[in-house]
C-alpha atoms as a PDB file:
ATOM      1  CA  MET A   1      22.090 -12.905  27.740  1.00  0.00           C
ATOM      2  CA  THR A   2      20.194  -9.617  28.567  1.00  0.00           C
ATOM      3  CA  PHE A   3      18.553  -7.515  25.872  1.00  0.00           C
ATOM      4  CA  HIS A   4      18.022  -3.814  26.256  1.00  0.00           C
ATOM      5  CA  PRO A   5      15.713  -1.645  24.086  1.00  0.00           C
ATOM      6  CA  ILE A   6      17.147   1.154  21.964  1.00  0.00           C
ATOM      7  CA  PRO A   7      15.348   4.566  21.556  1.00  0.00           C
ATOM      8  CA  THR A   8      13.165   4.936  18.445  1.00  0.00           C
ATOM      9  CA  SER A   9      15.351   7.746  17.341  1.00  0.00           C
ATOM     10  CA  ALA A  10      18.386   5.497  17.026  1.00  0.00           C
ATOM     11  CA  THR A  11      19.810   4.927  13.616  1.00  0.00           C
ATOM     12  CA  THR A  12      19.193   1.539  11.833  1.00  0.00           C
ATOM     13  CA  SER A  13      21.886   2.111   9.215  1.00  0.00           C
ATOM     14  CA  ASP A  14      24.189  -0.507  10.896  1.00  0.00           C
ATOM     15  CA  TRP A  15      21.609  -3.192  11.278  1.00  0.00           C
ATOM     16  CA  LEU A  16      21.993  -6.549   9.627  1.00  0.00           C
ATOM     17  CA  THR A  17      19.486  -7.596   7.042  1.00  0.00           C
ATOM     18  CA  ALA A  18      18.548 -11.062   5.731  1.00  0.00           C
ATOM     19  CA  ARG A  19      18.131  -9.662   2.258  1.00  0.00           C
ATOM     20  CA  ASP A  20      20.884 -10.261  -0.347  1.00  0.00           C
ATOM     21  CA  THR A  21      22.076  -6.638  -0.725  1.00  0.00           C
ATOM     22  CA  SER A  22      24.453  -7.617  -3.442  1.00  0.00           C
ATOM     23  CA  ALA A  23      21.563  -7.687  -5.881  1.00  0.00           C
ATOM     24  CA  PRO A  24      19.041  -4.950  -6.650  1.00  0.00           C
ATOM     25  CA  PRO A  25      16.052  -4.802  -4.290  1.00  0.00           C
ATOM     26  CA  PRO A  26      12.717  -5.808  -5.738  1.00  0.00           C
ATOM     27  CA  LEU A  27      10.556  -3.117  -7.088  1.00  0.00           C
ATOM     28  CA  TYR A  28       8.438  -2.632  -3.976  1.00  0.00           C
ATOM     29  CA  LEU A  29      11.537  -2.057  -1.835  1.00  0.00           C
ATOM     30  CA  ARG A  30      13.393   0.490  -4.100  1.00  0.00           C
ATOM     31  CA  HIS A  31      11.722   3.729  -2.988  1.00  0.00           C
ATOM     32  CA  THR A  32      10.268   3.024   0.542  1.00  0.00           C
ATOM     33  CA  ASN A  33      11.271   6.439   1.654  1.00  0.00           C
ATOM     34  CA  ARG A  34       9.000   8.120  -0.788  1.00  0.00           C
ATOM     35  CA  ASN A  35       5.390   8.730  -0.107  1.00  0.00           C
ATOM     36  CA  TYR A  36       4.374   7.717  -3.603  1.00  0.00           C
ATOM     37  CA  TRP A  37       6.003   7.109  -7.035  1.00  0.00           C
ATOM     38  CA  PHE A  38       5.378   5.062 -10.243  1.00  0.00           C
ATOM     39  CA  GLU A  39       7.281   3.379 -12.981  1.00  0.00           C
ATOM     40  CA  TYR A  40       6.091   1.881 -16.325  1.00  0.00           C
ATOM     41  CA  ILE A  41       7.003  -1.807 -16.729  1.00  0.00           C
ATOM     42  CA  ASP A  42       7.558  -2.063 -20.413  1.00  0.00           C
ATOM     43  CA  SER A  43       7.694  -5.854 -20.658  1.00  0.00           C
ATOM     44  CA  LEU A  44       4.240  -6.134 -19.058  1.00  0.00           C
ATOM     45  CA  ARG A  45       2.814  -2.992 -20.590  1.00  0.00           C
ATOM     46  CA  THR A  46       1.765  -2.032 -17.086  1.00  0.00           C
ATOM     47  CA  MET A  47       2.056   1.007 -14.882  1.00  0.00           C
ATOM     48  CA  TYR A  48       3.252   0.290 -11.394  1.00  0.00           C
ATOM     49  CA  ALA A  49       2.412   2.740  -8.618  1.00  0.00           C
ATOM     50  CA  GLN A  50       3.395   2.539  -4.999  1.00  0.00           C
ATOM     51  CA  ILE A  51       1.676   4.652  -2.376  1.00  0.00           C
ATOM     52  CA  ASN A  52       3.497   4.357   0.897  1.00  0.00           C
ATOM     53  CA  ALA A  53       1.679   7.063   2.824  1.00  0.00           C
ATOM     54  CA  VAL A  54      -1.654   8.931   2.332  1.00  0.00           C
ATOM     55  CA  ALA A  55       0.165  12.149   2.920  1.00  0.00           C
ATOM     56  CA  ASN A  56       1.267  15.102   0.768  1.00  0.00           C
ATOM     57  CA  ALA A  57       4.959  15.010  -0.091  1.00  0.00           C
ATOM     58  CA  GLY A  58       7.136  18.178   0.268  1.00  0.00           C
ATOM     59  CA  ASP A  59       7.343  18.631  -3.465  1.00  0.00           C
ATOM     60  CA  GLU A  60       4.081  17.330  -4.698  1.00  0.00           C
ATOM     61  CA  THR A  61       0.547  16.927  -3.174  1.00  0.00           C
ATOM     62  CA  MET A  62      -1.043  13.497  -3.389  1.00  0.00           C
ATOM     63  CA  ALA A  63      -3.776  14.948  -5.671  1.00  0.00           C
ATOM     64  CA  ALA A  64      -1.210  16.193  -8.047  1.00  0.00           C
ATOM     65  CA  PHE A  65       0.711  12.814  -7.927  1.00  0.00           C
ATOM     66  CA  CYS A  66      -2.453  11.004  -8.863  1.00  0.00           C
ATOM     67  CA  SER A  67      -3.245  13.341 -11.742  1.00  0.00           C
ATOM     68  CA  ARG A  68       0.341  12.895 -13.070  1.00  0.00           C
ATOM     69  CA  LEU A  69       0.035   9.173 -12.613  1.00  0.00           C
ATOM     70  CA  PHE A  70      -3.092   8.738 -14.643  1.00  0.00           C
ATOM     71  CA  ALA A  71      -1.958  11.282 -17.279  1.00  0.00           C
ATOM     72  CA  THR A  72       1.239   9.350 -17.680  1.00  0.00           C
ATOM     73  CA  THR A  73      -0.607   6.026 -17.794  1.00  0.00           C
ATOM     74  CA  ASP A  74      -2.611   7.394 -20.800  1.00  0.00           C
ATOM     75  CA  SER A  75       0.415   8.899 -22.544  1.00  0.00           C
ATOM     76  CA  VAL A  76       2.370   5.638 -22.561  1.00  0.00           C
ATOM     77  CA  ALA A  77      -0.849   3.681 -23.427  1.00  0.00           C
ATOM     78  CA  ALA A  78      -0.334   1.376 -20.413  1.00  0.00           C
ATOM     79  CA  GLU A  79      -2.731  -1.574 -20.705  1.00  0.00           C
ATOM     80  CA  ARG A  80      -2.913  -2.139 -16.970  1.00  0.00           C
ATOM     81  CA  LEU A  81      -2.310  -0.405 -13.615  1.00  0.00           C
ATOM     82  CA  VAL A  82      -0.845  -1.935 -10.372  1.00  0.00           C
ATOM     83  CA  ILE A  83      -1.506   0.105  -7.225  1.00  0.00           C
ATOM     84  CA  ASP A  84       0.698  -1.053  -4.376  1.00  0.00           C
ATOM     85  CA  LEU A  85      -0.561  -0.314  -0.824  1.00  0.00           C
ATOM     86  CA  ARG A  86       1.256  -3.073   1.107  1.00  0.00           C
ATOM     87  CA  LEU A  87       3.586  -0.838   2.979  1.00  0.00           C
ATOM     88  CA  ASN A  88       1.037   2.025   3.627  1.00  0.00           C
ATOM     89  CA  ASN A  89      -0.030   2.146   7.266  1.00  0.00           C
ATOM     90  CA  SER A  90      -1.055   5.725   7.921  1.00  0.00           C
ATOM     91  CA  GLY A  91      -1.949   9.240   6.721  1.00  0.00           C
ATOM     92  CA  ASP A  92      -4.948  11.485   6.121  1.00  0.00           C
ATOM     93  CA  ASN A  93      -7.834   9.713   4.454  1.00  0.00           C
ATOM     94  CA  THR A  94      -9.401  13.039   3.392  1.00  0.00           C
ATOM     95  CA  LEU A  95      -6.703  13.050   0.740  1.00  0.00           C
ATOM     96  CA  ASN A  96      -8.031   9.921  -0.864  1.00  0.00           C
ATOM     97  CA  ARG A  97     -10.881  11.405  -2.758  1.00  0.00           C
ATOM     98  CA  PRO A  98      -9.127  13.185  -5.591  1.00  0.00           C
ATOM     99  CA  CYS A  99      -7.182   9.960  -6.252  1.00  0.00           C
ATOM    100  CA  VAL A 100     -10.354   7.815  -6.360  1.00  0.00           C
ATOM    101  CA  HIS A 101     -12.172  10.341  -8.646  1.00  0.00           C
ATOM    102  CA  ASP A 102      -9.087  10.122 -11.056  1.00  0.00           C
ATOM    103  CA  LEU A 103      -9.369   6.381 -10.963  1.00  0.00           C
ATOM    104  CA  ILE A 104     -13.050   6.263 -11.740  1.00  0.00           C
ATOM    105  CA  ARG A 105     -12.307   8.546 -14.810  1.00  0.00           C
ATOM    106  CA  ALA A 106      -9.419   6.342 -15.834  1.00  0.00           C
ATOM    107  CA  THR A 107     -11.428   4.146 -18.368  1.00  0.00           C
ATOM    108  CA  ARG A 108      -8.253   2.747 -19.888  1.00  0.00           C
ATOM    109  CA  VAL A 109      -7.360   0.829 -16.733  1.00  0.00           C
ATOM    110  CA  ASN A 110     -10.500   0.892 -14.533  1.00  0.00           C
ATOM    111  CA  GLN A 111     -11.700  -2.299 -16.152  1.00  0.00           C
ATOM    112  CA  SER A 112     -11.955  -5.977 -15.189  1.00  0.00           C
ATOM    113  CA  GLY A 113      -8.662  -7.672 -15.535  1.00  0.00           C
ATOM    114  CA  LYS A 114      -6.681  -4.433 -15.967  1.00  0.00           C
ATOM    115  CA  LEU A 115      -6.453  -3.014 -12.453  1.00  0.00           C
ATOM    116  CA  PHE A 116      -4.678  -4.777  -9.627  1.00  0.00           C
ATOM    117  CA  VAL A 117      -4.137  -3.588  -5.965  1.00  0.00           C
ATOM    118  CA  ILE A 118      -1.519  -5.173  -3.762  1.00  0.00           C
ATOM    119  CA  ILE A 119      -2.436  -5.209  -0.125  1.00  0.00           C
ATOM    120  CA  GLY A 120      -0.896  -6.710   3.057  1.00  0.00           C
ATOM    121  CA  ARG A 121      -0.526  -6.805   6.697  1.00  0.00           C
ATOM    122  CA  LEU A 122       0.676  -3.223   6.847  1.00  0.00           C
ATOM    123  CA  THR A 123      -2.231  -1.823   4.829  1.00  0.00           C
ATOM    124  CA  PHE A 124      -3.861   0.077   7.626  1.00  0.00           C
ATOM    125  CA  SER A 125      -5.607   3.308   8.728  1.00  0.00           C
ATOM    126  CA  ALA A 126      -5.949   5.825   5.812  1.00  0.00           C
ATOM    127  CA  ALA A 127      -4.638   3.136   3.372  1.00  0.00           C
ATOM    128  CA  MET A 128      -7.336   0.872   4.501  1.00  0.00           C
ATOM    129  CA  SER A 129      -9.923   3.549   3.604  1.00  0.00           C
ATOM    130  CA  LEU A 130      -8.304   3.932   0.233  1.00  0.00           C
ATOM    131  CA  ALA A 131      -8.492   0.210  -0.311  1.00  0.00           C
ATOM    132  CA  VAL A 132     -12.217   0.209   0.512  1.00  0.00           C
ATOM    133  CA  ASP A 133     -12.869   3.106  -1.878  1.00  0.00           C
ATOM    134  CA  ILE A 134     -11.030   1.280  -4.706  1.00  0.00           C
ATOM    135  CA  GLU A 135     -12.867  -1.789  -3.850  1.00  0.00           C
ATOM    136  CA  ARG A 136     -16.164  -0.011  -4.091  1.00  0.00           C
ATOM    137  CA  ASN A 137     -15.499   2.062  -7.133  1.00  0.00           C
ATOM    138  CA  SER A 138     -13.639  -0.326  -9.411  1.00  0.00           C
ATOM    139  CA  PRO A 139     -13.347  -4.031 -10.537  1.00  0.00           C
ATOM    140  CA  ALA A 140      -9.890  -4.141  -9.013  1.00  0.00           C
ATOM    141  CA  ILE A 141      -8.313  -7.539  -8.312  1.00  0.00           C
ATOM    142  CA  PHE A 142      -6.694  -7.542  -4.859  1.00  0.00           C
ATOM    143  CA  VAL A 143      -3.420  -9.544  -4.642  1.00  0.00           C
ATOM    144  CA  GLY A 144      -1.127 -10.292  -1.595  1.00  0.00           C
ATOM    145  CA  GLU A 145      -2.161 -10.815   1.993  1.00  0.00           C
ATOM    146  CA  PRO A 146      -5.204  -9.771   3.986  1.00  0.00           C
ATOM    147  CA  THR A 147      -5.123  -6.163   5.146  1.00  0.00           C
ATOM    148  CA  GLY A 148      -4.004  -5.043   8.536  1.00  0.00           C
ATOM    149  CA  ALA A 149      -7.415  -3.573   9.469  1.00  0.00           C
ATOM    150  CA  SER A 150     -11.079  -4.116   8.873  1.00  0.00           C
ATOM    151  CA  PRO A 151     -13.112  -2.029   6.282  1.00  0.00           C
ATOM    152  CA  ASN A 152     -14.777  -0.318   9.154  1.00  0.00           C
ATOM    153  CA  HIS A 153     -12.202   0.554  11.700  1.00  0.00           C
ATOM    154  CA  PHE A 154     -11.047   2.905  14.596  1.00  0.00           C
ATOM    155  CA  GLY A 155      -8.407   5.517  13.915  1.00  0.00           C
ATOM    156  CA  GLU A 156      -7.203   8.934  14.667  1.00  0.00           C
ATOM    157  CA  THR A 157      -4.732   8.044  17.474  1.00  0.00           C
ATOM    158  CA  ARG A 158      -3.750  10.238  20.351  1.00  0.00           C
ATOM    159  CA  VAL A 159      -0.858   9.878  22.647  1.00  0.00           C
ATOM    160  CA  LEU A 160      -1.358   9.165  26.353  1.00  0.00           C
ATOM    161  CA  LYS A 161       1.563   8.868  28.862  1.00  0.00           C
ATOM    162  CA  LEU A 162       0.688   6.700  31.808  1.00  0.00           C
ATOM    163  CA  PRO A 163       1.450   8.690  34.962  1.00  0.00           C
ATOM    164  CA  ARG A 164       3.185   5.970  37.111  1.00  0.00           C
ATOM    165  CA  SER A 165       4.990   3.826  34.563  1.00  0.00           C
ATOM    166  CA  GLY A 166       5.781   6.551  32.036  1.00  0.00           C
ATOM    167  CA  ILE A 167       4.803   4.199  29.213  1.00  0.00           C
ATOM    168  CA  THR A 168       3.470   6.035  26.166  1.00  0.00           C
ATOM    169  CA  VAL A 169       0.237   4.567  24.853  1.00  0.00           C
ATOM    170  CA  LEU A 170      -1.448   5.421  21.498  1.00  0.00           C
ATOM    171  CA  HIS A 171      -5.312   5.096  21.503  1.00  0.00           C
ATOM    172  CA  SER A 172      -7.930   5.640  18.828  1.00  0.00           C
ATOM    173  CA  THR A 173     -10.445   8.341  19.116  1.00  0.00           C
ATOM    174  CA  LEU A 174     -12.705   7.962  15.981  1.00  0.00           C
ATOM    175  CA  TYR A 175     -14.621   5.081  14.204  1.00  0.00           C
ATOM    176  CA  TRP A 176     -14.327   5.341  10.544  1.00  0.00           C
ATOM    177  CA  GLN A 177     -17.164   3.610   8.698  1.00  0.00           C
ATOM    178  CA  SER A 178     -15.542   3.515   5.351  1.00  0.00           C
ATOM    179  CA  SER A 179     -17.658   0.582   4.124  1.00  0.00           C
ATOM    180  CA  ASP A 180     -21.264  -0.593   4.482  1.00  0.00           C
ATOM    181  CA  PRO A 181     -22.498  -0.601   8.137  1.00  0.00           C
ATOM    182  CA  ARG A 182     -23.134  -4.302   7.709  1.00  0.00           C
ATOM    183  CA  ASP A 183     -19.700  -4.999   6.606  1.00  0.00           C
ATOM    184  CA  THR A 184     -18.252  -7.158   9.403  1.00  0.00           C
ATOM    185  CA  ARG A 185     -15.173  -8.383   7.546  1.00  0.00           C
ATOM    186  CA  PRO A 186     -11.958  -8.439   9.729  1.00  0.00           C
ATOM    187  CA  TRP A 187     -10.062  -7.374   6.664  1.00  0.00           C
ATOM    188  CA  ILE A 188     -10.046  -7.119   2.881  1.00  0.00           C
ATOM    189  CA  ALA A 189      -8.954 -10.630   1.692  1.00  0.00           C
ATOM    190  CA  PRO A 190      -6.998 -10.835  -1.535  1.00  0.00           C
ATOM    191  CA  SER A 191      -8.610 -12.624  -4.532  1.00  0.00           C
ATOM    192  CA  ILE A 192      -5.043 -13.883  -5.339  1.00  0.00           C
ATOM    193  CA  ARG A 193      -3.097 -14.793  -2.270  1.00  0.00           C
ATOM    194  CA  ALA A 194       0.639 -14.257  -2.434  1.00  0.00           C
ATOM    195  CA  GLU A 195       2.186 -14.333   0.892  1.00  0.00           C
ATOM    196  CA  LEU A 196       5.768 -13.065   1.363  1.00  0.00           C
ATOM    197  CA  SER A 197       8.061 -15.814   2.981  1.00  0.00           C
ATOM    198  CA  SER A 198      11.399 -15.257   4.601  1.00  0.00           C
ATOM    199  CA  ASP A 199      13.045 -16.893   1.655  1.00  0.00           C
ATOM    200  CA  ASP A 200      11.272 -14.525  -0.625  1.00  0.00           C
ATOM    201  CA  TYR A 201      12.576 -11.498   1.160  1.00  0.00           C
ATOM    202  CA  ARG A 202      16.076 -12.994   1.506  1.00  0.00           C
ATOM    203  CA  LEU A 203      16.239 -13.662  -2.305  1.00  0.00           C
ATOM    204  CA  ASN A 204      14.734 -10.460  -3.376  1.00  0.00           C
ATOM    205  CA  ARG A 205      11.537 -12.033  -4.691  1.00  0.00           C
ATOM    206  CA  ASP A 206       8.088 -10.424  -4.799  1.00  0.00           C
ATOM    207  CA  PRO A 207       5.335 -13.098  -4.902  1.00  0.00           C
ATOM    208  CA  ALA A 208       2.630 -10.571  -5.341  1.00  0.00           C
ATOM    209  CA  LEU A 209       3.970  -8.856  -8.432  1.00  0.00           C
ATOM    210  CA  GLU A 210       5.100 -12.359  -9.742  1.00  0.00           C
ATOM    211  CA  ALA A 211       1.432 -13.439  -9.420  1.00  0.00           C
ATOM    212  CA  ILE A 212       0.196 -10.488 -11.246  1.00  0.00           C
ATOM    213  CA  SER A 213       2.833 -11.020 -14.117  1.00  0.00           C
ATOM    214  CA  ALA A 214       1.639 -14.645 -14.420  1.00  0.00           C
ATOM    215  CA  ILE A 215      -1.874 -13.519 -14.949  1.00  0.00           C
ATOM    216  CA  ILE A 216      -0.903 -10.894 -17.502  1.00  0.00           C
ATOM    217  CA  ARG A 217       1.235 -13.464 -19.425  1.00  0.00           C
ATOM    218  CA  GLY A 218      -1.583 -16.063 -19.176  1.00  0.00           C
ATOM    219  CA  LYS A 219       0.572 -18.570 -17.266  1.00  0.00           C
END
């Protein structure tokens, strides 16, 4: 059998998926096309916010989103906040600062045992910088899998097309020292490890949010 590549512009709408699509997707897969969104989980008295890209959306800047997120968190008297960065692999890290400032001022949830950050193998680039900023400025509990980059990392990719093969190569042009210069960790490791297995994906389970729920319920 011979396999042939398809162009990156090709549609994936007819691809098969291992996930059981007869059931609703888990929370973290419901709005993957949005840069950011949030939803209050009443049963846990917890606000869940997913940031999939460190980039302004067409109808709302990231700074405005974060302001709205923390204002809503206060208005519904949420006892905890979960920030999900596991699918976030790019963006503009200069947009992180207003969100971090809002988090520092969010005394309701910026406390030990009340703030959780879900990370994973796709947490990379500008999202990595955001994870470092949250780690530095809060007592957040990190849950999930190790991040896809180190706290200090290379970024700002440029495109280079090789003249003979025609292959397109992306290469980094800047070194971002987001953490202490002595920080040589290859990643941010979660305090609570919750790896996603193929069975979890197939059965629409989310081990990371399940782990957080167990902590909240004291199980």
